[in-house]
Amino acid sequence: DYLMKIHTAGNFLLSLINNVLEMSRIESGKLELNEKPCRRAEVNQKLGIIIGERMERKNIHFSFTDNVKTQVIYCDELKISEIYLNLLSNCIKYTPEGGSITLVSDELPHPKEGWTTIRCVISDTGIGMAPEFVPHIFDDFSRERTATESKVVGTGLGMSIVKRLVDLMHGTITVER
């Protein structure tokens, strides 16, 4: 079981690193989606394997409410996973030990027959951010605090990648403090 988890996490992280290296392709408009049917439950399970241990180490309580009836969706599974991994990783980084992270997925009506809209809201009990930083959260290399000040290491690219992938998929993302 542990070997399967290590293998799944290793393969996903290798793919994630390759996508980060393709940031220039995103900027140049050459990155294409590899859309195909995928099972949401499998995506959720893989993400749980990758982030679950990190949450356990920090004693973070994770609550997931899935109000989505459609279980097979047509999407780029790797890019969707990358978005969730970046968002949840930020939550884990900035949420203190014993805190909580909540993810709620809702299925909303879509005007186009055979399509659906899925809204995901992620919230945490983390340190938050200053109101003046919010407009810059999706900027490249943007961090509110340096690693020295916050004791959190990162490049400031995660949210920029998320925003660009969401835009590529014709979705929307907003941040509230």
N, C-alpha and C. Protein backbone atom coordinates (compact mmCIF):
# COMPACT_ATOMS: atom_id res chain seq x y z
N ASP A 1 0.83 -1.19 0.00
CA ASP A 1 0.00 0.00 0.00
C ASP A 1 0.87 1.26 0.00
N TYR A 2 1.92 1.26 0.85
CA TYR A 2 2.81 2.41 0.90
C TYR A 2 3.57 2.59 -0.41
N LEU A 3 4.00 1.47 -1.01
CA LEU A 3 4.70 1.57 -2.29
C LEU A 3 3.80 2.16 -3.38
N MET A 4 2.52 1.77 -3.37
CA MET A 4 1.59 2.33 -4.35
C MET A 4 1.43 3.83 -4.12
N LYS A 5 1.34 4.25 -2.85
CA LYS A 5 1.20 5.67 -2.54
C LYS A 5 2.45 6.44 -2.97
N ILE A 6 3.62 5.88 -2.69
CA ILE A 6 4.88 6.53 -3.10
C ILE A 6 4.95 6.62 -4.62
N HIS A 7 4.58 5.56 -5.30
CA HIS A 7 4.60 5.55 -6.76
C HIS A 7 3.63 6.59 -7.33
N THR A 8 2.41 6.63 -6.80
CA THR A 8 1.41 7.59 -7.28
C THR A 8 1.88 9.02 -7.03
N ALA A 9 2.35 9.29 -5.83
CA ALA A 9 2.82 10.64 -5.50
C ALA A 9 4.04 11.02 -6.34
N GLY A 10 4.98 10.09 -6.50
CA GLY A 10 6.17 10.36 -7.31
C GLY A 10 5.84 10.68 -8.75
N ASN A 11 4.96 9.90 -9.33
CA ASN A 11 4.56 10.17 -10.72
C ASN A 11 3.86 11.51 -10.85
N PHE A 12 2.99 11.82 -9.90
CA PHE A 12 2.29 13.09 -9.97
C PHE A 12 3.26 14.26 -9.81
N LEU A 13 4.17 14.16 -8.86
CA LEU A 13 5.12 15.25 -8.64
C LEU A 13 6.06 15.43 -9.83
N LEU A 14 6.45 14.33 -10.47
CA LEU A 14 7.27 14.44 -11.66
C LEU A 14 6.51 15.19 -12.76
N SER A 15 5.24 14.86 -12.92
CA SER A 15 4.41 15.56 -13.90
C SER A 15 4.25 17.02 -13.53
N LEU A 16 4.09 17.30 -12.25
CA LEU A 16 3.94 18.67 -11.79
C LEU A 16 5.20 19.49 -12.09
N ILE A 17 6.36 18.90 -11.81
CA ILE A 17 7.62 19.59 -12.10
C ILE A 17 7.73 19.89 -13.59
N ASN A 18 7.38 18.92 -14.43
CA ASN A 18 7.42 19.15 -15.87
C ASN A 18 6.50 20.29 -16.28
N ASN A 19 5.33 20.38 -15.66
CA ASN A 19 4.41 21.47 -16.00
C ASN A 19 4.93 22.82 -15.53
N VAL A 20 5.59 22.85 -14.38
CA VAL A 20 6.16 24.11 -13.91
C VAL A 20 7.23 24.57 -14.90
N LEU A 21 8.01 23.62 -15.41
CA LEU A 21 9.04 23.97 -16.39
C LEU A 21 8.43 24.45 -17.70
N GLU A 22 7.16 24.11 -17.93
CA GLU A 22 6.48 24.55 -19.15
C GLU A 22 5.80 25.90 -18.96
N MET A 23 6.13 26.62 -17.89
CA MET A 23 5.52 27.92 -17.64
C MET A 23 5.67 28.84 -18.86
N SER A 24 6.79 28.75 -19.51
CA SER A 24 6.99 29.58 -20.70
C SER A 24 6.01 29.21 -21.81
N ARG A 25 5.64 27.91 -21.88
CA ARG A 25 4.63 27.50 -22.86
C ARG A 25 3.27 28.09 -22.52
N ILE A 26 2.95 28.18 -21.24
CA ILE A 26 1.69 28.79 -20.83
C ILE A 26 1.68 30.24 -21.27
N GLU A 27 2.77 30.94 -20.98
CA GLU A 27 2.86 32.36 -21.31
C GLU A 27 2.80 32.60 -22.81
N SER A 28 3.38 31.69 -23.59
CA SER A 28 3.40 31.88 -25.03
C SER A 28 2.14 31.38 -25.72
N GLY A 29 1.24 30.78 -24.93
CA GLY A 29 -0.02 30.27 -25.50
C GLY A 29 0.13 28.95 -26.21
N LYS A 30 1.23 28.24 -26.00
CA LYS A 30 1.47 26.97 -26.70
C LYS A 30 1.07 25.74 -25.88
N LEU A 31 0.67 25.95 -24.63
CA LEU A 31 0.25 24.82 -23.81
C LEU A 31 -1.16 24.41 -24.20
N GLU A 32 -1.35 23.13 -24.44
CA GLU A 32 -2.66 22.63 -24.84
C GLU A 32 -3.22 21.70 -23.77
N LEU A 33 -4.52 21.66 -23.70
CA LEU A 33 -5.19 20.77 -22.75
C LEU A 33 -5.27 19.36 -23.34
N ASN A 34 -5.12 18.38 -22.48
CA ASN A 34 -5.27 16.98 -22.85
C ASN A 34 -6.56 16.48 -22.20
N GLU A 35 -7.67 16.87 -22.79
CA GLU A 35 -8.97 16.58 -22.20
C GLU A 35 -9.47 15.19 -22.58
N LYS A 36 -9.99 14.50 -21.57
CA LYS A 36 -10.58 13.18 -21.77
C LYS A 36 -11.47 12.89 -20.56
N PRO A 37 -12.33 11.90 -20.65
CA PRO A 37 -13.18 11.58 -19.50
C PRO A 37 -12.34 11.12 -18.31
N CYS A 38 -12.68 11.62 -17.13
CA CYS A 38 -11.99 11.14 -15.93
C CYS A 38 -12.99 11.07 -14.78
N ARG A 39 -12.70 10.18 -13.87
CA ARG A 39 -13.55 9.98 -12.70
C ARG A 39 -13.09 10.91 -11.58
N ARG A 40 -14.00 11.72 -11.10
CA ARG A 40 -13.68 12.67 -10.05
C ARG A 40 -13.18 11.97 -8.80
N ALA A 41 -13.78 10.82 -8.47
CA ALA A 41 -13.38 10.09 -7.26
C ALA A 41 -11.91 9.69 -7.32
N GLU A 42 -11.43 9.30 -8.50
CA GLU A 42 -10.03 8.90 -8.64
C GLU A 42 -9.11 10.11 -8.48
N VAL A 43 -9.52 11.25 -9.03
CA VAL A 43 -8.73 12.48 -8.88
C VAL A 43 -8.65 12.84 -7.40
N ASN A 44 -9.79 12.80 -6.71
CA ASN A 44 -9.83 13.12 -5.28
C ASN A 44 -8.96 12.17 -4.47
N GLN A 45 -9.00 10.88 -4.81
CA GLN A 45 -8.21 9.89 -4.09
C GLN A 45 -6.71 10.16 -4.25
N LYS A 46 -6.28 10.44 -5.48
CA LYS A 46 -4.86 10.71 -5.73
C LYS A 46 -4.41 11.95 -4.97
N LEU A 47 -5.23 12.99 -4.97
CA LEU A 47 -4.88 14.20 -4.23
C LEU A 47 -4.80 13.93 -2.74
N GLY A 48 -5.73 13.11 -2.25
CA GLY A 48 -5.71 12.75 -0.84
C GLY A 48 -4.43 12.05 -0.44
N ILE A 49 -3.93 11.18 -1.31
CA ILE A 49 -2.68 10.47 -1.05
C ILE A 49 -1.52 11.47 -0.96
N ILE A 50 -1.51 12.42 -1.88
CA ILE A 50 -0.39 13.37 -1.95
C ILE A 50 -0.39 14.35 -0.78
N ILE A 51 -1.54 14.88 -0.43
CA ILE A 51 -1.56 15.92 0.61
C ILE A 51 -1.93 15.40 2.00
N GLY A 52 -2.51 14.21 2.07
CA GLY A 52 -2.97 13.69 3.35
C GLY A 52 -1.89 13.61 4.41
N GLU A 53 -0.74 13.11 4.04
CA GLU A 53 0.34 12.96 5.02
C GLU A 53 0.82 14.32 5.53
N ARG A 54 0.90 15.30 4.65
CA ARG A 54 1.33 16.64 5.07
C ARG A 54 0.34 17.23 6.07
N MET A 55 -0.95 17.00 5.83
CA MET A 55 -1.96 17.50 6.77
C MET A 55 -1.86 16.77 8.11
N GLU A 56 -1.64 15.47 8.06
CA GLU A 56 -1.51 14.69 9.29
C GLU A 56 -0.32 15.17 10.12
N ARG A 57 0.81 15.44 9.46
CA ARG A 57 2.01 15.89 10.17
C ARG A 57 1.77 17.20 10.92
N LYS A 58 0.92 18.07 10.37
CA LYS A 58 0.63 19.35 11.02
C LYS A 58 -0.66 19.29 11.84
N ASN A 59 -1.24 18.09 11.95
CA ASN A 59 -2.48 17.91 12.70
C ASN A 59 -3.57 18.87 12.20
N ILE A 60 -3.67 18.99 10.89
CA ILE A 60 -4.68 19.85 10.27
C ILE A 60 -5.92 19.02 10.00
N HIS A 61 -7.05 19.53 10.43
CA HIS A 61 -8.33 18.86 10.17
C HIS A 61 -8.79 19.24 8.77
N PHE A 62 -9.10 18.24 7.95
CA PHE A 62 -9.56 18.48 6.58
C PHE A 62 -11.01 18.04 6.45
N SER A 63 -11.82 18.93 5.94
CA SER A 63 -13.24 18.63 5.73
C SER A 63 -13.55 18.80 4.24
N PHE A 64 -14.11 17.74 3.65
CA PHE A 64 -14.44 17.77 2.22
C PHE A 64 -15.92 17.45 2.07
N THR A 65 -16.67 18.38 1.48
CA THR A 65 -18.08 18.16 1.20
C THR A 65 -18.26 18.17 -0.30
N ASP A 66 -18.73 17.06 -0.84
CA ASP A 66 -18.88 16.92 -2.29
C ASP A 66 -20.37 16.86 -2.64
N ASN A 67 -20.88 17.97 -3.16
CA ASN A 67 -22.28 18.06 -3.56
C ASN A 67 -22.44 17.95 -5.08
N VAL A 68 -21.53 17.23 -5.72
CA VAL A 68 -21.53 17.09 -7.18
C VAL A 68 -22.05 15.71 -7.54
N LYS A 69 -23.09 15.67 -8.34
CA LYS A 69 -23.67 14.38 -8.75
C LYS A 69 -22.92 13.78 -9.94
N THR A 70 -22.46 14.62 -10.85
CA THR A 70 -21.74 14.15 -12.03
C THR A 70 -20.38 13.61 -11.60
N GLN A 71 -20.14 12.33 -11.83
CA GLN A 71 -18.90 11.71 -11.36
C GLN A 71 -17.84 11.54 -12.45
N VAL A 72 -18.24 11.53 -13.70
CA VAL A 72 -17.27 11.45 -14.79
C VAL A 72 -17.34 12.79 -15.54
N ILE A 73 -16.21 13.46 -15.61
CA ILE A 73 -16.15 14.75 -16.30
C ILE A 73 -15.09 14.70 -17.39
N TYR A 74 -15.26 15.54 -18.36
CA TYR A 74 -14.33 15.66 -19.48
C TYR A 74 -13.41 16.83 -19.15
N CYS A 75 -12.13 16.52 -18.88
CA CYS A 75 -11.20 17.57 -18.49
C CYS A 75 -9.77 17.07 -18.66
N ASP A 76 -8.82 17.95 -18.37
CA ASP A 76 -7.42 17.59 -18.32
C ASP A 76 -7.12 17.25 -16.86
N GLU A 77 -7.10 15.97 -16.55
CA GLU A 77 -6.96 15.51 -15.16
C GLU A 77 -5.69 16.04 -14.50
N LEU A 78 -4.58 16.04 -15.21
CA LEU A 78 -3.32 16.50 -14.63
C LEU A 78 -3.39 17.98 -14.27
N LYS A 79 -3.98 18.78 -15.16
CA LYS A 79 -4.07 20.22 -14.90
C LYS A 79 -5.03 20.53 -13.75
N ILE A 80 -6.15 19.80 -13.70
CA ILE A 80 -7.09 19.97 -12.58
C ILE A 80 -6.38 19.61 -11.27
N SER A 81 -5.67 18.51 -11.28
CA SER A 81 -4.94 18.07 -10.08
C SER A 81 -3.89 19.09 -9.69
N GLU A 82 -3.22 19.66 -10.67
CA GLU A 82 -2.20 20.66 -10.42
C GLU A 82 -2.80 21.89 -9.73
N ILE A 83 -3.97 22.29 -10.19
CA ILE A 83 -4.66 23.44 -9.58
C ILE A 83 -4.96 23.14 -8.12
N TYR A 84 -5.60 22.00 -7.86
CA TYR A 84 -5.94 21.64 -6.48
C TYR A 84 -4.70 21.49 -5.62
N LEU A 85 -3.66 20.85 -6.15
CA LEU A 85 -2.46 20.65 -5.37
C LEU A 85 -1.83 21.98 -4.97
N ASN A 86 -1.76 22.92 -5.90
CA ASN A 86 -1.20 24.23 -5.57
C ASN A 86 -2.04 24.96 -4.52
N LEU A 87 -3.35 24.94 -4.69
CA LEU A 87 -4.23 25.63 -3.73
C LEU A 87 -4.15 25.00 -2.35
N LEU A 88 -4.26 23.68 -2.30
CA LEU A 88 -4.23 23.00 -1.00
C LEU A 88 -2.85 23.06 -0.35
N SER A 89 -1.79 23.03 -1.16
CA SER A 89 -0.44 23.17 -0.62
C SER A 89 -0.26 24.52 0.06
N ASN A 90 -0.80 25.57 -0.56
CA ASN A 90 -0.74 26.89 0.07
C ASN A 90 -1.50 26.89 1.39
N CYS A 91 -2.65 26.26 1.40
CA CYS A 91 -3.42 26.18 2.65
C CYS A 91 -2.60 25.48 3.73
N ILE A 92 -1.98 24.38 3.38
CA ILE A 92 -1.18 23.62 4.36
C ILE A 92 0.00 24.46 4.84
N LYS A 93 0.69 25.13 3.91
CA LYS A 93 1.86 25.94 4.27
C LYS A 93 1.51 27.02 5.27
N TYR A 94 0.38 27.70 5.08
CA TYR A 94 0.06 28.88 5.87
C TYR A 94 -0.95 28.64 6.98
N THR A 95 -1.34 27.38 7.18
CA THR A 95 -2.24 27.05 8.29
C THR A 95 -1.40 26.46 9.42
N PRO A 96 -1.54 27.02 10.61
CA PRO A 96 -0.74 26.52 11.73
C PRO A 96 -1.20 25.13 12.18
N GLU A 97 -0.34 24.48 12.95
CA GLU A 97 -0.68 23.16 13.50
C GLU A 97 -2.01 23.23 14.23
N GLY A 98 -2.83 22.19 14.01
CA GLY A 98 -4.12 22.13 14.67
C GLY A 98 -5.21 22.91 13.96
N GLY A 99 -4.88 23.58 12.86
CA GLY A 99 -5.86 24.37 12.11
C GLY A 99 -6.76 23.49 11.26
N SER A 100 -7.52 24.13 10.40
CA SER A 100 -8.43 23.35 9.55
C SER A 100 -8.47 23.91 8.12
N ILE A 101 -8.77 23.01 7.20
CA ILE A 101 -8.95 23.34 5.79
C ILE A 101 -10.26 22.72 5.36
N THR A 102 -11.07 23.48 4.64
CA THR A 102 -12.37 23.00 4.17
C THR A 102 -12.45 23.15 2.67
N LEU A 103 -12.94 22.12 2.00
CA LEU A 103 -13.18 22.17 0.56
C LEU A 103 -14.63 21.75 0.33
N VAL A 104 -15.38 22.61 -0.35
CA VAL A 104 -16.78 22.31 -0.67
C VAL A 104 -16.94 22.40 -2.18
N SER A 105 -17.42 21.34 -2.80
CA SER A 105 -17.69 21.30 -4.24
C SER A 105 -19.19 21.26 -4.46
N ASP A 106 -19.68 22.18 -5.30
CA ASP A 106 -21.10 22.22 -5.65
C ASP A 106 -21.26 22.15 -7.15
N GLU A 107 -22.30 21.47 -7.59
CA GLU A 107 -22.62 21.40 -9.02
C GLU A 107 -23.70 22.44 -9.30
N LEU A 108 -23.40 23.32 -10.24
CA LEU A 108 -24.33 24.39 -10.60
C LEU A 108 -24.89 24.13 -11.99
N PRO A 109 -26.07 24.63 -12.27
CA PRO A 109 -26.63 24.44 -13.61
C PRO A 109 -25.77 25.14 -14.66
N HIS A 110 -25.76 24.57 -15.84
CA HIS A 110 -25.02 25.15 -16.96
C HIS A 110 -26.01 25.34 -18.10
N PRO A 111 -25.93 26.47 -18.81
CA PRO A 111 -26.91 26.73 -19.88
C PRO A 111 -26.78 25.77 -21.07
N LYS A 112 -25.61 25.17 -21.23
CA LYS A 112 -25.38 24.29 -22.37
C LYS A 112 -25.72 22.85 -22.00
N GLU A 113 -26.55 22.21 -22.80
CA GLU A 113 -26.97 20.82 -22.57
C GLU A 113 -25.75 19.89 -22.52
N GLY A 114 -25.71 19.01 -21.52
CA GLY A 114 -24.61 18.05 -21.41
C GLY A 114 -23.39 18.61 -20.70
N TRP A 115 -23.44 19.85 -20.27
CA TRP A 115 -22.33 20.49 -19.58
C TRP A 115 -22.72 20.71 -18.12
N THR A 116 -21.72 20.91 -17.28
CA THR A 116 -21.98 21.25 -15.88
C THR A 116 -20.94 22.26 -15.43
N THR A 117 -21.28 22.98 -14.40
CA THR A 117 -20.34 23.91 -13.77
C THR A 117 -20.11 23.40 -12.36
N ILE A 118 -18.84 23.28 -12.00
CA ILE A 118 -18.50 22.84 -10.65
C ILE A 118 -17.79 23.99 -9.95
N ARG A 119 -18.36 24.40 -8.83
CA ARG A 119 -17.76 25.47 -8.03
C ARG A 119 -17.12 24.83 -6.81
N CYS A 120 -15.85 25.14 -6.61
CA CYS A 120 -15.12 24.63 -5.45
C CYS A 120 -14.69 25.81 -4.60
N VAL A 121 -14.98 25.73 -3.33
CA VAL A 121 -14.59 26.77 -2.39
C VAL A 121 -13.65 26.14 -1.37
N ILE A 122 -12.46 26.70 -1.28
CA ILE A 122 -11.46 26.21 -0.33
C ILE A 122 -11.23 27.32 0.68
N SER A 123 -11.31 26.96 1.95
CA SER A 123 -11.05 27.94 3.00
C SER A 123 -10.16 27.29 4.06
N ASP A 124 -9.47 28.13 4.81
CA ASP A 124 -8.59 27.61 5.86
C ASP A 124 -8.54 28.57 7.04
N THR A 125 -7.93 28.11 8.11
CA THR A 125 -7.74 28.93 9.29
C THR A 125 -6.31 29.43 9.35
N GLY A 126 -5.73 29.66 8.18
CA GLY A 126 -4.34 30.10 8.08
C GLY A 126 -4.14 31.54 8.49
N ILE A 127 -2.92 32.02 8.25
CA ILE A 127 -2.51 33.35 8.72
C ILE A 127 -3.16 34.49 7.94
N GLY A 128 -3.75 34.18 6.80
CA GLY A 128 -4.41 35.24 6.02
C GLY A 128 -3.41 36.12 5.29
N MET A 129 -3.93 37.18 4.70
CA MET A 129 -3.08 38.11 3.96
C MET A 129 -3.64 39.51 4.09
N ALA A 130 -2.79 40.49 3.88
CA ALA A 130 -3.22 41.88 3.95
C ALA A 130 -4.11 42.21 2.76
N PRO A 131 -5.11 43.05 2.94
CA PRO A 131 -6.01 43.41 1.83
C PRO A 131 -5.27 43.97 0.62
N GLU A 132 -4.18 44.68 0.86
CA GLU A 132 -3.43 45.27 -0.27
C GLU A 132 -2.65 44.23 -1.07
N PHE A 133 -2.47 43.03 -0.52
CA PHE A 133 -1.77 41.98 -1.26
C PHE A 133 -2.71 41.21 -2.19
N VAL A 134 -3.98 41.13 -1.85
CA VAL A 134 -4.94 40.32 -2.61
C VAL A 134 -4.88 40.58 -4.13
N PRO A 135 -4.82 41.84 -4.60
CA PRO A 135 -4.76 42.05 -6.06
C PRO A 135 -3.49 41.51 -6.73
N HIS A 136 -2.48 41.18 -5.94
CA HIS A 136 -1.20 40.71 -6.49
C HIS A 136 -0.98 39.21 -6.32
N ILE A 137 -1.96 38.52 -5.77
CA ILE A 137 -1.77 37.10 -5.44
C ILE A 137 -1.47 36.24 -6.67
N PHE A 138 -1.95 36.63 -7.84
CA PHE A 138 -1.73 35.84 -9.06
C PHE A 138 -0.52 36.32 -9.87
N ASP A 139 0.22 37.31 -9.36
CA ASP A 139 1.41 37.81 -10.06
C ASP A 139 2.55 36.80 -9.92
N ASP A 140 3.38 36.70 -10.98
CA ASP A 140 4.55 35.81 -10.93
C ASP A 140 5.48 36.22 -9.78
N PHE A 141 6.00 35.24 -9.09
CA PHE A 141 6.96 35.42 -8.01
C PHE A 141 6.44 36.33 -6.91
N SER A 142 5.13 36.36 -6.73
CA SER A 142 4.52 37.25 -5.76
C SER A 142 4.32 36.52 -4.43
N ARG A 143 4.88 37.12 -3.38
CA ARG A 143 4.70 36.61 -2.02
C ARG A 143 4.52 37.79 -1.11
N GLU A 144 3.61 37.65 -0.18
CA GLU A 144 3.37 38.76 0.74
C GLU A 144 4.53 38.92 1.71
N ARG A 145 5.05 37.84 2.17
CA ARG A 145 6.17 37.86 3.12
C ARG A 145 7.33 37.06 2.54
N THR A 146 8.52 37.42 2.90
CA THR A 146 9.67 36.63 2.47
C THR A 146 9.72 35.35 3.29
N ALA A 147 10.48 34.37 2.82
CA ALA A 147 10.61 33.11 3.55
C ALA A 147 11.20 33.34 4.94
N THR A 148 12.08 34.31 5.06
CA THR A 148 12.69 34.60 6.36
C THR A 148 11.64 35.11 7.34
N GLU A 149 10.75 35.98 6.88
CA GLU A 149 9.73 36.55 7.77
C GLU A 149 8.67 35.53 8.14
N SER A 150 8.19 34.75 7.17
CA SER A 150 7.07 33.85 7.42
C SER A 150 7.50 32.43 7.76
N LYS A 151 8.76 32.11 7.58
CA LYS A 151 9.29 30.75 7.79
C LYS A 151 8.67 29.74 6.82
N VAL A 152 8.07 30.23 5.74
CA VAL A 152 7.46 29.37 4.72
C VAL A 152 8.26 29.55 3.44
N VAL A 153 8.76 28.44 2.91
CA VAL A 153 9.58 28.49 1.70
C VAL A 153 8.68 28.32 0.47
N GLY A 154 8.94 29.11 -0.55
CA GLY A 154 8.19 29.00 -1.80
C GLY A 154 8.71 29.97 -2.83
N THR A 155 8.33 29.75 -4.08
CA THR A 155 8.81 30.60 -5.17
C THR A 155 7.87 31.75 -5.49
N GLY A 156 6.62 31.64 -5.07
CA GLY A 156 5.64 32.65 -5.45
C GLY A 156 5.09 32.41 -6.84
N LEU A 157 5.22 31.18 -7.33
CA LEU A 157 4.69 30.84 -8.66
C LEU A 157 3.40 30.03 -8.60
N GLY A 158 3.10 29.41 -7.48
CA GLY A 158 1.95 28.50 -7.39
C GLY A 158 0.64 29.14 -7.81
N MET A 159 0.32 30.29 -7.26
CA MET A 159 -0.96 30.93 -7.58
C MET A 159 -0.96 31.48 -9.00
N SER A 160 0.19 31.88 -9.50
CA SER A 160 0.29 32.34 -10.89
C SER A 160 -0.02 31.19 -11.85
N ILE A 161 0.53 30.02 -11.55
CA ILE A 161 0.27 28.83 -12.37
C ILE A 161 -1.21 28.47 -12.30
N VAL A 162 -1.77 28.50 -11.10
CA VAL A 162 -3.19 28.20 -10.93
C VAL A 162 -4.04 29.12 -11.80
N LYS A 163 -3.78 30.41 -11.72
CA LYS A 163 -4.58 31.38 -12.48
C LYS A 163 -4.47 31.13 -13.98
N ARG A 164 -3.30 30.85 -14.45
CA ARG A 164 -3.11 30.63 -15.89
C ARG A 164 -3.79 29.34 -16.35
N LEU A 165 -3.74 28.31 -15.53
CA LEU A 165 -4.41 27.06 -15.90
C LEU A 165 -5.93 27.23 -15.86
N VAL A 166 -6.43 27.93 -14.87
CA VAL A 166 -7.87 28.18 -14.79
C VAL A 166 -8.32 28.99 -16.01
N ASP A 167 -7.56 29.99 -16.39
CA ASP A 167 -7.88 30.79 -17.58
C ASP A 167 -7.86 29.93 -18.84
N LEU A 168 -6.87 29.05 -18.95
CA LEU A 168 -6.75 28.16 -20.11
C LEU A 168 -7.99 27.29 -20.24
N MET A 169 -8.57 26.91 -19.09
CA MET A 169 -9.76 26.05 -19.09
C MET A 169 -11.06 26.86 -19.15
N HIS A 170 -10.93 28.17 -19.34
CA HIS A 170 -12.08 29.08 -19.42
C HIS A 170 -12.88 29.10 -18.13
N GLY A 171 -12.18 28.94 -17.01
CA GLY A 171 -12.81 29.00 -15.70
C GLY A 171 -12.55 30.35 -15.05
N THR A 172 -12.97 30.48 -13.82
CA THR A 172 -12.72 31.69 -13.05
C THR A 172 -12.20 31.31 -11.67
N ILE A 173 -11.41 32.18 -11.08
CA ILE A 173 -10.92 31.98 -9.73
C ILE A 173 -10.91 33.34 -9.04
N THR A 174 -11.36 33.35 -7.82
CA THR A 174 -11.34 34.57 -7.01
C THR A 174 -10.77 34.26 -5.63
N VAL A 175 -10.30 35.29 -4.97
CA VAL A 175 -9.74 35.15 -3.65
C VAL A 175 -10.41 36.16 -2.73
N GLU A 176 -10.82 35.69 -1.58
CA GLU A 176 -11.35 36.57 -0.53
C GLU A 176 -10.53 36.35 0.71
N ARG A 177 -10.37 37.40 1.46
CA ARG A 177 -9.61 37.23 2.72
C ARG A 177 -10.55 37.14 3.89
